[in-house]
C-alpha atoms as a PDB file:
ATOM      1  CA  MET A   1      -9.982  -3.561  -1.781  1.00  0.00           C
ATOM      2  CA  ILE A   2      -7.093  -1.578  -0.363  1.00  0.00           C
ATOM      3  CA  SER A   3      -3.734  -3.356  -0.350  1.00  0.00           C
ATOM      4  CA  ILE A   4      -0.665  -2.064   1.465  1.00  0.00           C
ATOM      5  CA  VAL A   5       2.817  -3.409   0.799  1.00  0.00           C
ATOM      6  CA  TYR A   6       6.387  -2.309   1.330  1.00  0.00           C
ATOM      7  CA  GLU A   7       8.679  -4.549  -0.688  1.00  0.00           C
ATOM      8  CA  VAL A   8       8.909  -3.197  -4.253  1.00  0.00           C
ATOM      9  CA  SER A   9       8.707  -6.556  -6.050  1.00  0.00           C
ATOM     10  CA  ALA A  10       5.580  -7.448  -4.044  1.00  0.00           C
ATOM     11  CA  TYR A  11       4.088  -4.083  -5.053  1.00  0.00           C
ATOM     12  CA  ARG A  12       4.835  -4.706  -8.735  1.00  0.00           C
ATOM     13  CA  ARG A  13       3.429  -8.256  -8.615  1.00  0.00           C
ATOM     14  CA  LEU A  14       0.277  -7.137  -6.831  1.00  0.00           C
ATOM     15  CA  LEU A  15      -0.253  -4.329  -9.306  1.00  0.00           C
ATOM     16  CA  ALA A  16       0.255  -6.598 -12.329  1.00  0.00           C
ATOM     17  CA  ASP A  17      -2.086  -9.223 -10.828  1.00  0.00           C
ATOM     18  CA  ASN A  18      -4.853  -6.758  -9.864  1.00  0.00           C
ATOM     19  CA  VAL A  19      -5.126  -4.912 -13.162  1.00  0.00           C
ATOM     20  CA  LYS A  20      -7.791  -6.641 -15.225  1.00  0.00           C
ATOM     21  CA  THR A  21      -8.306  -6.476 -18.973  1.00  0.00           C
ATOM     22  CA  GLY A  22      -9.959  -3.167 -19.820  1.00  0.00           C
ATOM     23  CA  ASP A  23      -9.131  -1.412 -16.532  1.00  0.00           C
ATOM     24  CA  ILE A  24      -8.377   2.275 -16.178  1.00  0.00           C
ATOM     25  CA  VAL A  25      -5.315   2.751 -13.953  1.00  0.00           C
ATOM     26  CA  ILE A  26      -3.882   5.817 -12.279  1.00  0.00           C
ATOM     27  CA  GLU A  27      -0.357   5.224 -11.036  1.00  0.00           C
ATOM     28  CA  LEU A  28       1.246   7.807  -8.752  1.00  0.00           C
ATOM     29  CA  GLY A  29       5.009   7.479  -8.452  1.00  0.00           C
ATOM     30  CA  PRO A  30       5.776   5.004 -11.256  1.00  0.00           C
ATOM     31  CA  HIS A  31       9.428   6.148 -11.283  1.00  0.00           C
ATOM     32  CA  THR A  32      11.020   4.516 -14.338  1.00  0.00           C
ATOM     33  CA  GLY A  33       7.891   2.606 -15.317  1.00  0.00           C
ATOM     34  CA  VAL A  34       8.913  -0.965 -14.467  1.00  0.00           C
ATOM     35  CA  SER A  35       5.596  -1.496 -12.699  1.00  0.00           C
ATOM     36  CA  THR A  36       3.665   0.258 -15.483  1.00  0.00           C
ATOM     37  CA  ALA A  37       5.128  -1.962 -18.186  1.00  0.00           C
ATOM     38  CA  SER A  38       4.097  -5.062 -16.213  1.00  0.00           C
ATOM     39  CA  TYR A  39       0.356  -4.370 -16.620  1.00  0.00           C
ATOM     40  CA  ALA A  40       0.008  -1.814 -19.438  1.00  0.00           C
ATOM     41  CA  LYS A  41      -0.878  -4.414 -22.066  1.00  0.00           C
ATOM     42  CA  LYS A  42      -4.028  -5.376 -20.106  1.00  0.00           C
ATOM     43  CA  ALA A  43      -5.169  -1.857 -19.271  1.00  0.00           C
ATOM     44  CA  LYS A  44      -7.603   0.119 -21.363  1.00  0.00           C
ATOM     45  CA  PHE A  45      -6.046   3.398 -20.231  1.00  0.00           C
ATOM     46  CA  VAL A  46      -3.225   4.388 -17.865  1.00  0.00           C
ATOM     47  CA  VAL A  47      -2.284   7.761 -16.422  1.00  0.00           C
ATOM     48  CA  ALA A  48       1.148   7.710 -14.787  1.00  0.00           C
ATOM     49  CA  VAL A  49       2.138  10.719 -12.659  1.00  0.00           C
ATOM     50  CA  ASP A  50       5.666  11.277 -11.380  1.00  0.00           C
ATOM     51  CA  ILE A  51       7.561  14.401 -10.377  1.00  0.00           C
ATOM     52  CA  GLY A  52      11.034  12.912 -10.939  1.00  0.00           C
ATOM     53  CA  LYS A  53      13.001  13.802 -14.056  1.00  0.00           C
ATOM     54  CA  GLU A  54      14.340  10.225 -14.207  1.00  0.00           C
ATOM     55  CA  SER A  55      10.871   9.170 -15.397  1.00  0.00           C
ATOM     56  CA  ASP A  56      10.908  11.235 -18.593  1.00  0.00           C
ATOM     57  CA  GLY A  57      13.187   8.999 -20.702  1.00  0.00           C
ATOM     58  CA  PRO A  58      11.699   5.640 -19.737  1.00  0.00           C
ATOM     59  CA  PHE A  59       8.155   6.932 -20.243  1.00  0.00           C
ATOM     60  CA  LYS A  60       8.951   8.103 -23.780  1.00  0.00           C
ATOM     61  CA  LYS A  61       9.656   4.440 -24.557  1.00  0.00           C
ATOM     62  CA  ILE A  62       6.659   3.131 -22.593  1.00  0.00           C
ATOM     63  CA  THR A  63       4.178   5.532 -24.208  1.00  0.00           C
ATOM     64  CA  ALA A  64       5.577   4.647 -27.650  1.00  0.00           C
ATOM     65  CA  GLU A  65       5.086   0.920 -26.958  1.00  0.00           C
ATOM     66  CA  PHE A  66       1.727   1.312 -25.193  1.00  0.00           C
ATOM     67  CA  PRO A  67      -0.368   4.114 -26.776  1.00  0.00           C
ATOM     68  CA  GLN A  68      -2.971   3.807 -23.999  1.00  0.00           C
ATOM     69  CA  VAL A  69      -0.432   5.128 -21.450  1.00  0.00           C
ATOM     70  CA  ARG A  70      -0.263   8.867 -20.700  1.00  0.00           C
ATOM     71  CA  TYR A  71       2.591  10.235 -18.631  1.00  0.00           C
ATOM     72  CA  ILE A  72       2.385  13.480 -16.675  1.00  0.00           C
ATOM     73  CA  ASN A  73       5.484  14.933 -15.044  1.00  0.00           C
ATOM     74  CA  ALA A  74       3.853  16.621 -12.046  1.00  0.00           C
ATOM     75  CA  ASP A  75       3.490  16.550  -8.275  1.00  0.00           C
ATOM     76  CA  ALA A  76       0.814  14.094  -7.062  1.00  0.00           C
ATOM     77  CA  ARG A  77       0.392  16.270  -3.959  1.00  0.00           C
ATOM     78  CA  SER A  78      -0.997  19.133  -6.055  1.00  0.00           C
ATOM     79  CA  PHE A  79      -4.698  19.714  -6.654  1.00  0.00           C
ATOM     80  CA  GLU A  80      -3.697  21.113 -10.070  1.00  0.00           C
ATOM     81  CA  THR A  81      -2.331  17.671 -10.973  1.00  0.00           C
ATOM     82  CA  ILE A  82      -5.617  16.034  -9.990  1.00  0.00           C
ATOM     83  CA  LYS A  83      -7.413  18.480 -12.287  1.00  0.00           C
ATOM     84  CA  LYS A  84      -5.034  17.617 -15.169  1.00  0.00           C
ATOM     85  CA  VAL A  85      -5.690  13.914 -14.698  1.00  0.00           C
ATOM     86  CA  MET A  86      -9.457  14.494 -14.483  1.00  0.00           C
ATOM     87  CA  LYS A  87      -9.295  15.869 -18.039  1.00  0.00           C
ATOM     88  CA  LEU A  88      -7.974  12.461 -19.125  1.00  0.00           C
ATOM     89  CA  ALA A  89      -9.952  10.114 -16.857  1.00  0.00           C
ATOM     90  CA  LYS A  90     -13.119  10.624 -14.828  1.00  0.00           C
ATOM     91  CA  LYS A  91     -12.685   7.452 -12.781  1.00  0.00           C
ATOM     92  CA  CYS A  92     -10.244   4.604 -12.338  1.00  0.00           C
ATOM     93  CA  ASP A  93     -10.436   0.926 -11.524  1.00  0.00           C
ATOM     94  CA  VAL A  94      -7.005   0.751  -9.895  1.00  0.00           C
ATOM     95  CA  LEU A  95      -5.189   3.514  -8.031  1.00  0.00           C
ATOM     96  CA  ALA A  96      -1.527   2.695  -7.362  1.00  0.00           C
ATOM     97  CA  VAL A  97       0.499   4.897  -5.000  1.00  0.00           C
ATOM     98  CA  ASP A  98       4.261   4.490  -4.606  1.00  0.00           C
ATOM     99  CA  LEU A  99       5.710   7.730  -3.318  1.00  0.00           C
ATOM    100  CA  GLY A 100       8.971   6.324  -2.070  1.00  0.00           C
ATOM    101  CA  GLY A 101       7.988   3.686   0.442  1.00  0.00           C
ATOM    102  CA  GLY A 102       9.414   5.697   3.353  1.00  0.00           C
ATOM    103  CA  ARG A 103       8.634   5.368   7.004  1.00  0.00           C
ATOM    104  CA  TYR A 104       6.468   8.502   7.252  1.00  0.00           C
ATOM    105  CA  PRO A 105       2.970   7.591   6.065  1.00  0.00           C
ATOM    106  CA  ASP A 106       1.205  10.953   6.382  1.00  0.00           C
ATOM    107  CA  THR A 107       1.996  12.195   2.875  1.00  0.00           C
ATOM    108  CA  VAL A 108       1.140   8.883   1.244  1.00  0.00           C
ATOM    109  CA  PHE A 109      -2.125   8.610   3.152  1.00  0.00           C
ATOM    110  CA  LYS A 110      -3.200  12.166   2.295  1.00  0.00           C
ATOM    111  CA  VAL A 111      -2.335  11.685  -1.380  1.00  0.00           C
ATOM    112  CA  TRP A 112      -4.230   8.385  -1.495  1.00  0.00           C
ATOM    113  CA  GLY A 113      -7.209   9.938   0.317  1.00  0.00           C
ATOM    114  CA  ALA A 114      -7.442  12.866  -2.080  1.00  0.00           C
ATOM    115  CA  TRP A 115      -7.019  10.811  -5.256  1.00  0.00           C
ATOM    116  CA  SER A 116      -9.305   7.983  -4.146  1.00  0.00           C
ATOM    117  CA  GLY A 117     -11.939  10.513  -3.172  1.00  0.00           C
ATOM    118  CA  VAL A 118     -11.942  11.932  -6.678  1.00  0.00           C
ATOM    119  CA  PHE A 119     -11.489   8.784  -8.798  1.00  0.00           C
ATOM    120  CA  ALA A 120     -13.292   6.160  -6.646  1.00  0.00           C
ATOM    121  CA  PRO A 121     -11.095   3.158  -7.502  1.00  0.00           C
ATOM    122  CA  ARG A 122     -12.224  -0.446  -7.212  1.00  0.00           C
ATOM    123  CA  ASP A 123      -8.754  -1.333  -5.907  1.00  0.00           C
ATOM    124  CA  SER A 124      -6.022   0.731  -4.281  1.00  0.00           C
ATOM    125  CA  ILE A 125      -2.459  -0.507  -3.979  1.00  0.00           C
ATOM    126  CA  ILE A 126      -0.205   1.523  -1.717  1.00  0.00           C
ATOM    127  CA  ARG A 127       3.523   1.018  -1.165  1.00  0.00           C
ATOM    128  CA  ASN A 128       4.726   2.551   2.080  1.00  0.00           C
ATOM    129  CA  ARG A 129       6.737   1.135   4.942  1.00  0.00           C
ATOM    130  CA  GLY A 130       5.204   3.416   7.582  1.00  0.00           C
ATOM    131  CA  LEU A 131       1.637   2.348   6.755  1.00  0.00           C
ATOM    132  CA  ALA A 132       2.667  -1.303   6.629  1.00  0.00           C
ATOM    133  CA  GLU A 133       4.361  -1.058  10.047  1.00  0.00           C
ATOM    134  CA  PHE A 134       1.367   0.777  11.508  1.00  0.00           C
ATOM    135  CA  LEU A 135      -1.037  -1.938  10.340  1.00  0.00           C
ATOM    136  CA  GLN A 136       1.238  -4.736  11.585  1.00  0.00           C
ATOM    137  CA  ARG A 137       1.307  -3.239  15.056  1.00  0.00           C
ATOM    138  CA  ALA A 138      -2.340  -2.182  15.244  1.00  0.00           C
ATOM    139  CA  GLN A 139      -4.881  -4.110  17.268  1.00  0.00           C
ATOM    140  CA  ILE A 140      -8.519  -3.201  16.869  1.00  0.00           C
ATOM    141  CA  LYS A 141     -10.005  -2.805  20.348  1.00  0.00           C
ATOM    142  CA  ASP A 142     -13.339  -1.293  19.344  1.00  0.00           C
ATOM    143  CA  LYS A 143     -15.975  -3.897  18.444  1.00  0.00           C
ATOM    144  CA  THR A 144     -17.945  -1.288  16.490  1.00  0.00           C
ATOM    145  CA  ILE A 145     -15.213  -1.244  13.833  1.00  0.00           C
ATOM    146  CA  ILE A 146     -16.381  -3.717  11.235  1.00  0.00           C
ATOM    147  CA  ARG A 147     -14.221  -5.707   8.850  1.00  0.00           C
ATOM    148  CA  ASN A 148     -16.210  -5.149   5.664  1.00  0.00           C
ATOM    149  CA  PHE A 149     -17.247  -1.670   4.626  1.00  0.00           C
ATOM    150  CA  ASP A 150     -19.855  -0.843   1.987  1.00  0.00           C
ATOM    151  CA  ASP A 151     -17.362   0.894  -0.306  1.00  0.00           C
ATOM    152  CA  SER A 152     -14.288  -0.646  -1.884  1.00  0.00           C
ATOM    153  CA  GLY A 153     -10.914   1.018  -2.393  1.00  0.00           C
ATOM    154  CA  TRP A 154     -11.814   4.616  -1.657  1.00  0.00           C
ATOM    155  CA  LEU A 155     -13.242   6.958   0.951  1.00  0.00           C
ATOM    156  CA  SER A 156     -16.890   7.454  -0.001  1.00  0.00           C
ATOM    157  CA  GLU A 157     -17.367  10.533   2.184  1.00  0.00           C
ATOM    158  CA  TRP A 158     -14.789  12.517   0.195  1.00  0.00           C
ATOM    159  CA  GLY A 159     -15.783  12.248  -3.448  1.00  0.00           C
ATOM    160  CA  ARG A 160     -16.410  14.919  -6.034  1.00  0.00           C
ATOM    161  CA  ALA A 161     -19.168  16.541  -3.996  1.00  0.00           C
ATOM    162  CA  THR A 162     -16.492  18.057  -1.756  1.00  0.00           C
ATOM    163  CA  PRO A 163     -13.569  19.142  -3.983  1.00  0.00           C
ATOM    164  CA  SER A 164     -12.850  22.051  -1.666  1.00  0.00           C
ATOM    165  CA  LYS A 165     -12.143  19.611   1.175  1.00  0.00           C
ATOM    166  CA  ILE A 166      -9.739  17.691  -1.057  1.00  0.00           C
ATOM    167  CA  ARG A 167      -8.045  20.937  -2.134  1.00  0.00           C
ATOM    168  CA  ASP A 168      -7.725  21.977   1.528  1.00  0.00           C
ATOM    169  CA  GLN A 169      -6.205  18.611   2.474  1.00  0.00           C
ATOM    170  CA  LEU A 170      -3.647  18.897  -0.307  1.00  0.00           C
ATOM    171  CA  ALA A 171      -2.880  22.479   0.731  1.00  0.00           C
ATOM    172  CA  GLU A 172      -1.585  21.070   4.016  1.00  0.00           C
ATOM    173  CA  PHE A 173       1.443  19.742   2.133  1.00  0.00           C
ATOM    174  CA  LYS A 174       2.995  23.197   2.122  1.00  0.00           C
ATOM    175  CA  PHE A 175       3.496  22.621   5.847  1.00  0.00           C
ATOM    176  CA  TYR A 176       5.160  19.237   5.294  1.00  0.00           C
ATOM    177  CA  VAL A 177       8.574  18.959   6.883  1.00  0.00           C
ATOM    178  CA  ASN A 178      11.093  16.381   5.760  1.00  0.00           C
ATOM    179  CA  VAL A 179      12.644  15.249   9.031  1.00  0.00           C
ATOM    180  CA  LYS A 180      15.897  14.258   7.318  1.00  0.00           C
ATOM    181  CA  GLU A 181      16.312  17.757   5.829  1.00  0.00           C
ATOM    182  CA  SER A 182      15.313  19.754   8.910  1.00  0.00           C
ATOM    183  CA  PRO A 183      18.019  21.814  10.638  1.00  0.00           C
END
């Protein structure tokens, strides 16, 4: 199941409710770990990845309280980060992506696509306003698009068989332009 939300408290609730006892969770963009702390007790293993320095202090406390939590200060858009996480976990049950919740969904979608292709989660929870708005406004006009797909919360055609495709997708981030920072 793939869930998309925007409001941060809804994201945290959904994440805490979806993590089952014994799950392996990869959380991208946990910020100060409020969401992580809400489910960590139930999880078998958690890898939290955040590039922000504001995460370092809170995650020292979280990893001390929950020894099954590993924190990596790195960029989720980097294939090198995926490789680091693969050394810790070969799969995950829940993939959570909260990269700021902004209006521009392309980065969030590419990150989710790359990570879900590698770790094949049962559930994906994505927080992003742009994706939420897109889905609210979308109307499916093609009757060949079915409601239920064979896979769950990941893109089956990506997967580990095509790591070069994932690496190439992530390489596109070097061309990313932040509209707010553009001249």
